[in-house]
Protein backbone atom coordinates (compact mmCIF):
# COMPACT_ATOMS: atom_id res chain seq x y z
CA MET A 1 11.40 11.66 -23.51
CA THR A 2 9.00 13.81 -21.48
CA ASP A 3 7.67 12.12 -18.35
CA SER A 4 4.31 13.56 -17.36
CA ALA A 5 2.09 12.04 -14.69
CA LEU A 6 0.15 12.95 -11.61
CA VAL A 7 1.15 11.97 -8.07
CA LEU A 8 -1.28 12.01 -5.17
CA VAL A 9 -0.01 12.14 -1.56
CA ALA A 10 -2.26 11.75 1.54
CA ASN A 11 -1.32 13.95 4.45
CA ALA A 12 -3.08 12.33 7.39
CA GLY A 13 -1.78 14.86 9.90
CA GLU A 14 -3.76 17.71 8.32
CA GLY A 15 -6.51 15.78 6.53
CA SER A 16 -5.53 16.53 2.95
CA ILE A 17 -4.41 15.05 -0.37
CA SER A 18 -1.74 16.93 -2.33
CA THR A 19 -1.71 16.65 -6.15
CA PHE A 20 1.60 16.95 -7.96
CA ARG A 21 2.54 16.86 -11.63
CA LEU A 22 5.72 14.98 -12.45
CA GLU A 23 7.28 16.31 -15.65
CA ASN A 24 10.86 16.31 -16.87
CA GLY A 25 12.12 14.88 -13.60
CA GLN A 26 10.51 17.52 -11.33
CA LEU A 27 7.43 17.66 -9.11
CA GLU A 28 5.05 20.65 -9.29
CA ARG A 29 2.43 20.85 -6.61
CA LEU A 30 -0.90 21.67 -8.29
CA ALA A 31 -3.31 21.59 -5.35
CA VAL A 32 -3.84 20.68 -1.74
CA ASN A 33 -7.28 19.18 -1.26
CA GLU A 34 -8.46 19.69 2.33
CA GLY A 35 -11.41 18.38 4.36
CA LEU A 36 -10.28 14.75 4.32
CA ASP A 37 -9.89 14.16 8.02
CA GLY A 38 -7.50 11.31 8.87
CA CYS A 39 -7.05 10.22 5.28
CA SER A 40 -4.29 7.63 5.18
CA THR A 41 -5.36 5.50 2.23
CA PHE A 42 -6.95 5.89 -1.15
CA ALA A 43 -7.38 4.06 -4.42
CA VAL A 44 -7.52 5.61 -7.88
CA ASP A 45 -9.68 4.69 -10.87
CA SER A 46 -7.54 6.37 -13.53
CA GLU A 47 -9.97 5.46 -16.36
CA ARG A 48 -12.82 7.44 -14.72
CA ASP A 49 -10.62 9.91 -12.81
CA LEU A 50 -12.18 8.91 -9.49
CA VAL A 51 -10.42 8.68 -6.10
CA TYR A 52 -11.81 6.56 -3.29
CA ALA A 53 -10.46 7.93 0.03
CA GLY A 54 -10.68 6.47 3.51
CA VAL A 55 -11.60 9.28 5.91
CA LYS A 56 -12.41 9.73 9.61
CA GLY A 57 -14.66 12.00 11.60
CA PRO A 58 -16.92 10.19 10.89
CA THR A 59 -15.29 7.12 9.37
CA GLY A 60 -16.14 6.21 5.79
CA ILE A 61 -15.14 6.07 2.16
CA LEU A 62 -15.39 9.30 0.20
CA THR A 63 -15.57 9.24 -3.64
CA LEU A 64 -13.87 12.26 -5.26
CA SER A 65 -13.59 13.28 -8.87
CA LEU A 66 -10.14 14.29 -10.08
CA ASP A 67 -9.51 17.24 -12.43
CA ARG A 68 -6.19 16.41 -14.09
CA GLU A 69 -5.44 20.00 -15.09
CA SER A 70 -5.96 21.68 -11.76
CA GLY A 71 -5.33 18.69 -9.48
CA ARG A 72 -8.52 19.45 -7.57
CA LEU A 73 -10.54 16.70 -5.97
CA THR A 74 -14.27 17.22 -5.70
CA PRO A 75 -16.51 15.13 -3.35
CA GLN A 76 -19.14 13.07 -5.16
CA SER A 77 -20.57 10.52 -2.71
CA ARG A 78 -19.85 8.85 0.64
CA LEU A 79 -20.23 5.48 2.30
CA ASP A 80 -20.33 5.63 6.11
CA LEU A 81 -18.51 2.89 8.04
CA PRO A 82 -19.41 3.33 11.73
CA ASP A 83 -17.47 0.25 12.85
CA GLY A 84 -14.04 1.65 11.85
CA GLY A 85 -12.03 3.50 9.27
CA MET A 86 -10.16 2.01 6.35
CA ASN A 87 -6.41 1.41 6.45
CA TYR A 88 -6.15 0.05 2.91
CA ILE A 89 -8.44 0.37 -0.10
CA ALA A 90 -8.10 -1.52 -3.41
CA LEU A 91 -10.21 -1.54 -6.59
CA THR A 92 -10.99 -4.58 -8.70
CA ARG A 93 -12.78 -5.57 -11.92
CA GLY A 94 -12.10 -2.34 -13.70
CA GLY A 95 -13.28 -0.11 -10.86
CA THR A 96 -16.64 -1.87 -10.39
CA GLY A 97 -15.57 -3.46 -7.11
CA LEU A 98 -13.84 -2.17 -4.00
CA LEU A 99 -12.02 -4.01 -1.20
CA GLY A 100 -10.97 -2.51 2.08
CA VAL A 101 -9.70 -3.32 5.58
CA SER A 102 -9.95 -1.65 8.97
CA TYR A 103 -7.04 -2.12 11.35
CA SER A 104 -8.84 -0.74 14.38
CA GLY A 105 -12.14 -2.39 13.56
CA GLY A 106 -10.58 -5.72 12.66
CA PHE A 107 -12.76 -6.23 9.62
CA GLY A 108 -12.47 -6.39 5.82
CA ILE A 109 -15.14 -5.56 3.28
CA SER A 110 -16.07 -6.10 -0.36
CA CYS A 111 -18.40 -3.66 -2.12
CA THR A 112 -19.77 -3.06 -5.56
CA VAL A 113 -19.20 0.30 -7.27
CA THR A 114 -21.70 1.86 -9.71
CA GLY A 115 -21.02 5.26 -11.20
CA GLY A 116 -18.55 6.02 -8.46
CA VAL A 117 -21.04 5.18 -5.72
CA VAL A 118 -19.77 2.52 -3.27
CA SER A 119 -22.39 0.12 -2.03
CA GLU A 120 -22.90 -1.07 1.48
CA PRO A 121 -20.56 -4.05 2.02
CA VAL A 122 -21.79 -7.23 0.31
CA SER A 123 -19.32 -9.26 2.42
CA THR A 124 -17.47 -8.70 5.68
CA ILE A 125 -14.66 -10.76 7.17
CA THR A 126 -13.09 -10.46 10.64
CA PHE A 127 -9.49 -10.90 11.73
CA PRO A 128 -7.52 -8.86 14.25
CA ASN A 129 -5.59 -5.79 12.91
CA LEU A 130 -6.19 -6.30 9.23
CA HIS A 131 -3.65 -4.09 7.44
CA SER A 132 -4.02 -4.59 3.66
CA VAL A 133 -5.96 -6.29 0.89
CA LEU A 134 -5.41 -6.86 -2.82
CA PRO A 135 -7.30 -8.71 -5.55
CA SER A 136 -5.80 -10.88 -8.19
CA ALA A 137 -5.47 -9.18 -11.58
CA ASP A 138 -8.42 -11.13 -12.99
CA GLY A 139 -10.67 -10.13 -10.10
CA ARG A 140 -11.39 -13.74 -9.14
CA PHE A 141 -9.59 -13.80 -5.80
CA ALA A 142 -8.76 -11.49 -2.87
CA TYR A 143 -6.08 -11.67 -0.17
CA PHE A 144 -6.47 -9.98 3.24
CA VAL A 145 -3.42 -9.55 5.54
CA SER A 146 -3.89 -9.75 9.32
CA LEU A 147 -1.00 -8.32 11.28
CA GLY A 148 -2.58 -9.31 14.60
CA ALA A 149 -3.05 -13.00 13.68
CA ASP A 150 0.13 -13.47 11.52
CA LEU A 151 -1.77 -14.69 8.47
CA VAL A 152 -3.04 -14.03 4.98
CA ALA A 153 -6.74 -14.86 4.47
CA GLN A 154 -7.61 -15.99 0.95
CA TYR A 155 -10.98 -15.90 -0.79
CA ALA A 156 -12.68 -16.35 -4.12
CA LEU A 157 -14.74 -13.35 -5.32
CA ASP A 158 -18.19 -14.33 -6.63
CA ASP A 159 -19.89 -12.51 -9.51
CA ASP A 160 -21.52 -10.11 -7.06
CA LEU A 161 -18.25 -9.54 -5.17
CA ARG A 162 -19.16 -11.75 -2.20
CA VAL A 163 -16.21 -13.62 -0.73
CA THR A 164 -16.02 -17.39 -0.42
CA PRO A 165 -13.14 -18.86 1.65
CA LEU A 166 -10.59 -21.03 -0.15
CA ASP A 167 -9.44 -24.32 1.41
CA PRO A 168 -7.71 -23.56 3.66
CA GLU A 169 -9.15 -20.10 4.44
CA THR A 170 -5.84 -18.81 5.81
CA VAL A 171 -2.10 -19.33 5.30
CA ALA A 172 0.30 -18.55 8.11
CA ALA A 173 3.11 -16.04 8.33
CA PRO A 174 5.93 -16.64 10.83
CA GLU A 175 4.70 -16.21 14.39
CA GLY A 176 5.26 -12.67 15.65
CA SER A 177 6.36 -11.35 12.24
CA GLY A 178 3.43 -8.90 11.90
CA PRO A 179 2.54 -9.23 8.15
CA ARG A 180 1.51 -5.83 6.81
CA HIS A 181 1.49 -5.10 3.03
CA LEU A 182 1.36 -7.40 0.05
CA VAL A 183 1.93 -7.32 -3.71
CA LEU A 184 1.34 -9.80 -6.52
CA ASN A 185 3.81 -10.28 -9.33
CA GLU A 186 2.94 -9.73 -13.01
CA ALA A 187 2.61 -13.44 -13.75
CA GLN A 188 0.25 -13.73 -10.75
CA ASP A 189 2.02 -16.88 -9.59
CA ALA A 190 3.57 -15.30 -6.48
CA VAL A 191 2.52 -13.06 -3.61
CA TYR A 192 5.00 -11.13 -1.50
CA VAL A 193 4.28 -9.82 1.98
CA LEU A 194 6.32 -7.30 4.01
CA THR A 195 6.26 -7.90 7.76
CA GLU A 196 6.27 -4.99 10.22
CA PHE A 197 7.85 -6.62 13.27
CA SER A 198 10.57 -8.83 11.64
CA GLY A 199 11.25 -6.67 8.56
CA GLU A 200 11.06 -9.58 6.11
CA VAL A 201 9.66 -10.08 2.63
CA LEU A 202 7.76 -13.41 2.63
CA HIS A 203 7.43 -15.24 -0.72
CA TYR A 204 4.20 -17.27 -1.27
CA ARG A 205 3.75 -19.40 -4.34
CA ARG A 206 0.29 -18.82 -5.84
CA ASP A 207 -1.75 -21.37 -7.78
CA THR A 208 -3.24 -19.30 -10.63
CA SER A 209 -6.15 -21.72 -11.05
CA THR A 210 -7.28 -22.19 -7.45
CA GLY A 211 -5.85 -18.95 -6.01
CA ALA A 212 -4.30 -20.82 -3.10
CA LEU A 213 -1.02 -19.62 -1.48
CA ALA A 214 1.89 -21.63 -0.06
CA LEU A 215 4.82 -20.05 1.80
CA GLN A 216 8.12 -20.66 0.01
CA GLY A 217 10.78 -18.55 1.69
CA SER A 218 11.79 -15.12 2.94
CA THR A 219 14.53 -12.58 3.28
CA THR A 220 15.30 -9.55 5.36
CA ALA A 221 14.36 -6.17 3.91
CA TYR A 222 15.85 -3.84 6.54
CA ASP A 223 19.43 -2.61 7.20
CA THR A 224 20.85 -5.35 9.40
CA THR A 225 23.97 -3.29 10.24
CA LYS A 226 21.83 -0.95 12.35
CA ASN A 227 21.29 -3.54 15.13
CA LEU A 228 17.51 -3.21 15.16
CA GLY A 229 15.63 -5.49 17.48
CA HIS A 230 12.67 -7.69 16.53
CA SER A 231 9.56 -5.68 17.30
CA VAL A 232 6.55 -6.87 19.32
CA PHE A 233 2.92 -5.84 19.17
CA GLY A 234 2.17 -2.70 21.15
CA ALA A 235 5.82 -1.63 21.64
CA ASP A 236 7.15 1.78 20.56
CA PRO A 237 9.69 0.93 17.81
CA LEU A 238 11.52 4.24 18.13
CA GLU A 239 11.89 4.00 21.93
CA HIS A 240 13.29 0.44 21.77
CA HIS A 241 15.09 0.73 18.37
CA TYR A 242 12.91 -2.01 16.92
CA ILE A 243 12.30 -2.97 13.31
CA TRP A 244 9.33 -1.09 11.83
CA GLY A 245 8.55 -2.31 8.30
CA ALA A 246 5.95 -0.36 6.30
CA ASP A 247 5.36 -0.38 2.51
CA LEU A 248 6.24 -2.66 -0.37
CA HIS A 249 6.13 -2.12 -4.18
CA PHE A 250 7.57 -3.75 -7.28
CA GLY A 251 10.09 -2.05 -9.52
CA ALA A 252 9.50 -1.83 -13.27
CA ASN A 253 10.65 -5.24 -14.50
CA GLY A 254 9.64 -7.27 -11.46
CA THR A 255 13.23 -8.12 -10.39
CA ARG A 256 13.22 -5.65 -7.46
CA LEU A 257 10.86 -5.26 -4.54
CA TRP A 258 11.29 -1.88 -2.83
CA ALA A 259 10.50 -1.77 0.89
CA THR A 260 10.60 0.89 3.61
CA GLU A 261 11.67 0.59 7.26
CA ARG A 262 10.60 3.49 9.52
CA THR A 263 12.90 3.40 12.59
CA GLU A 264 16.07 4.04 10.44
CA SER A 265 13.97 5.69 7.65
CA THR A 266 15.38 3.59 4.82
CA LEU A 267 14.40 2.37 1.38
CA GLY A 268 15.93 -0.90 0.14
CA ALA A 269 15.42 -3.12 -2.96
CA VAL A 270 14.93 -6.85 -2.37
CA SER A 271 16.09 -8.97 -5.33
CA VAL A 272 13.51 -11.29 -6.97
CA ALA A 273 15.03 -14.22 -8.92
CA ALA A 274 13.51 -15.91 -11.95
CA ASP A 275 12.10 -18.67 -9.73
CA GLY A 276 10.45 -16.08 -7.44
CA SER A 277 12.87 -16.45 -4.58
CA VAL A 278 14.04 -13.31 -2.78
CA SER A 279 17.39 -12.05 -1.40
CA ALA A 280 18.22 -9.11 0.88
CA PRO A 281 19.02 -5.60 -0.41
CA GLU A 282 22.66 -4.81 -0.99
CA ARG A 283 22.28 -1.09 -0.25
CA PHE A 284 19.91 1.29 1.53
CA THR A 285 18.89 4.90 1.02
CA VAL A 286 17.98 7.10 3.96
CA THR A 287 14.82 8.96 3.01
CA GLU A 288 12.06 11.03 4.62
CA LEU A 289 11.61 10.54 8.37
CA GLN A 290 9.38 7.57 9.20
CA PRO A 291 8.57 6.54 5.61
CA ARG A 292 5.19 4.79 5.76
CA GLY A 293 4.26 5.20 2.08
CA PHE A 294 5.90 5.48 -1.32
CA ALA A 295 5.18 4.62 -4.94
CA LEU A 296 6.96 4.05 -8.27
CA SER A 297 5.99 5.41 -11.65
CA ALA A 298 4.56 2.93 -14.15
CA ASP A 299 7.85 2.78 -16.08
CA GLY A 300 9.83 2.32 -12.87
CA ALA A 301 11.99 5.37 -13.60
CA HIS A 302 10.90 7.41 -10.58
CA LEU A 303 10.09 6.81 -6.95
CA VAL A 304 8.29 9.24 -4.60
CA ALA A 305 8.62 8.65 -0.85
CA ALA A 306 6.72 10.30 2.02
CA GLY A 307 7.52 10.47 5.72
CA GLU A 308 5.08 10.55 8.64
CA ARG A 309 7.46 12.91 10.51
CA SER A 310 8.17 15.07 7.47
CA THR A 311 6.23 17.74 5.60
CA GLN A 312 7.82 16.93 2.29
CA VAL A 313 8.24 14.14 -0.20
CA SER A 314 11.41 13.02 -1.93
CA LEU A 315 11.55 12.37 -5.69
CA TYR A 316 14.20 9.89 -6.89
CA ALA A 317 15.42 8.56 -10.16
CA VAL A 318 15.69 4.77 -9.97
CA HIS A 319 18.85 3.09 -11.24
CA ASP A 320 18.39 -0.67 -10.69
CA ASP A 321 18.70 -0.94 -6.86
CA ALA A 322 20.06 2.64 -6.34
CA LEU A 323 18.20 5.87 -5.88
CA GLU A 324 19.31 9.32 -7.06
CA LEU A 325 17.66 12.18 -5.21
CA LEU A 326 16.18 14.73 -7.65
CA GLN A 327 14.02 16.94 -5.48
CA HIS A 328 12.29 17.61 -2.18
CA ALA A 329 8.78 18.96 -2.50
CA GLU A 330 6.45 20.31 0.24
CA THR A 331 3.27 18.30 0.78
CA GLY A 332 1.78 18.45 4.31
CA ARG A 333 1.92 17.01 7.83
CA GLY A 334 1.86 13.24 8.37
CA ALA A 335 2.29 12.26 4.75
CA ASN A 336 1.79 8.51 4.57
CA TRP A 337 0.24 7.33 1.23
CA VAL A 338 1.49 7.88 -2.32
CA ARG A 339 0.08 6.85 -5.69
CA PHE A 340 0.92 7.67 -9.28
CA VAL A 341 -2.17 8.32 -11.43
């Protein structure tokens, strides 16, 4: 069967987004879209072929239209965010709402979206070093991860996208773990968070009625044979050989959670049991240098990984918890965000 999809890769080091076509197990670069200074996050509305990109110089969110044939991205509108740039952007409610967080600014936002135009924030929350945000699938709740405060903040989303704190407003992550990225499972009854400093995947049970989270357990997601030390805020992980967790995504059937660790540049697949509990990867794949971002195709058959210290991406075929390298493809400097479209 022919596999044809688009893959977008943000290259923060040169302010661009590369567009690739994946077909028959190979990547073809269609375009390199420049003029996106400091872009390290974006979200895609595939139904409307719109891309919402976090940019710097000045900081804001740029709406771009995607031409699927040429791979070109054309600017449509812009929201200025003078208090700080976005580190994570997510869409909700069929592309009519947008959530974002600023690590440097320490704030999270919710905005409405009309015809691709992002409104001024209708709600703003503040926690130190917010690193990611995701809505529930039904668009009723949103979860903001604070690396600096070791917590997940949980909110209901009102009809106008304003946030209302749940009770309690926050749930803790282990002290000093540095929670970073999160995912929700298909059943929406579990949330998983990858920690940057301890390299763990945390499992939270989620009440699908109230949206509330409760920590259930955890497992390591890094290669423990490499003698990596527990990282601390502000330390250079490479200098000290510390754990440096980055990105987290589900595999196709929800039984694997792929995670990256940047000091040893590895990808590993955490096992997810029927009850939602997690266990450590049994094998690791060395990938692009300093792999901050990666993504899996919708069918789970392919994985594309980018490295912050590499100018190329790696394309893999996924075989359960093993990866088969198919191709290296040039992308750009500082590649750090990947999405299938």
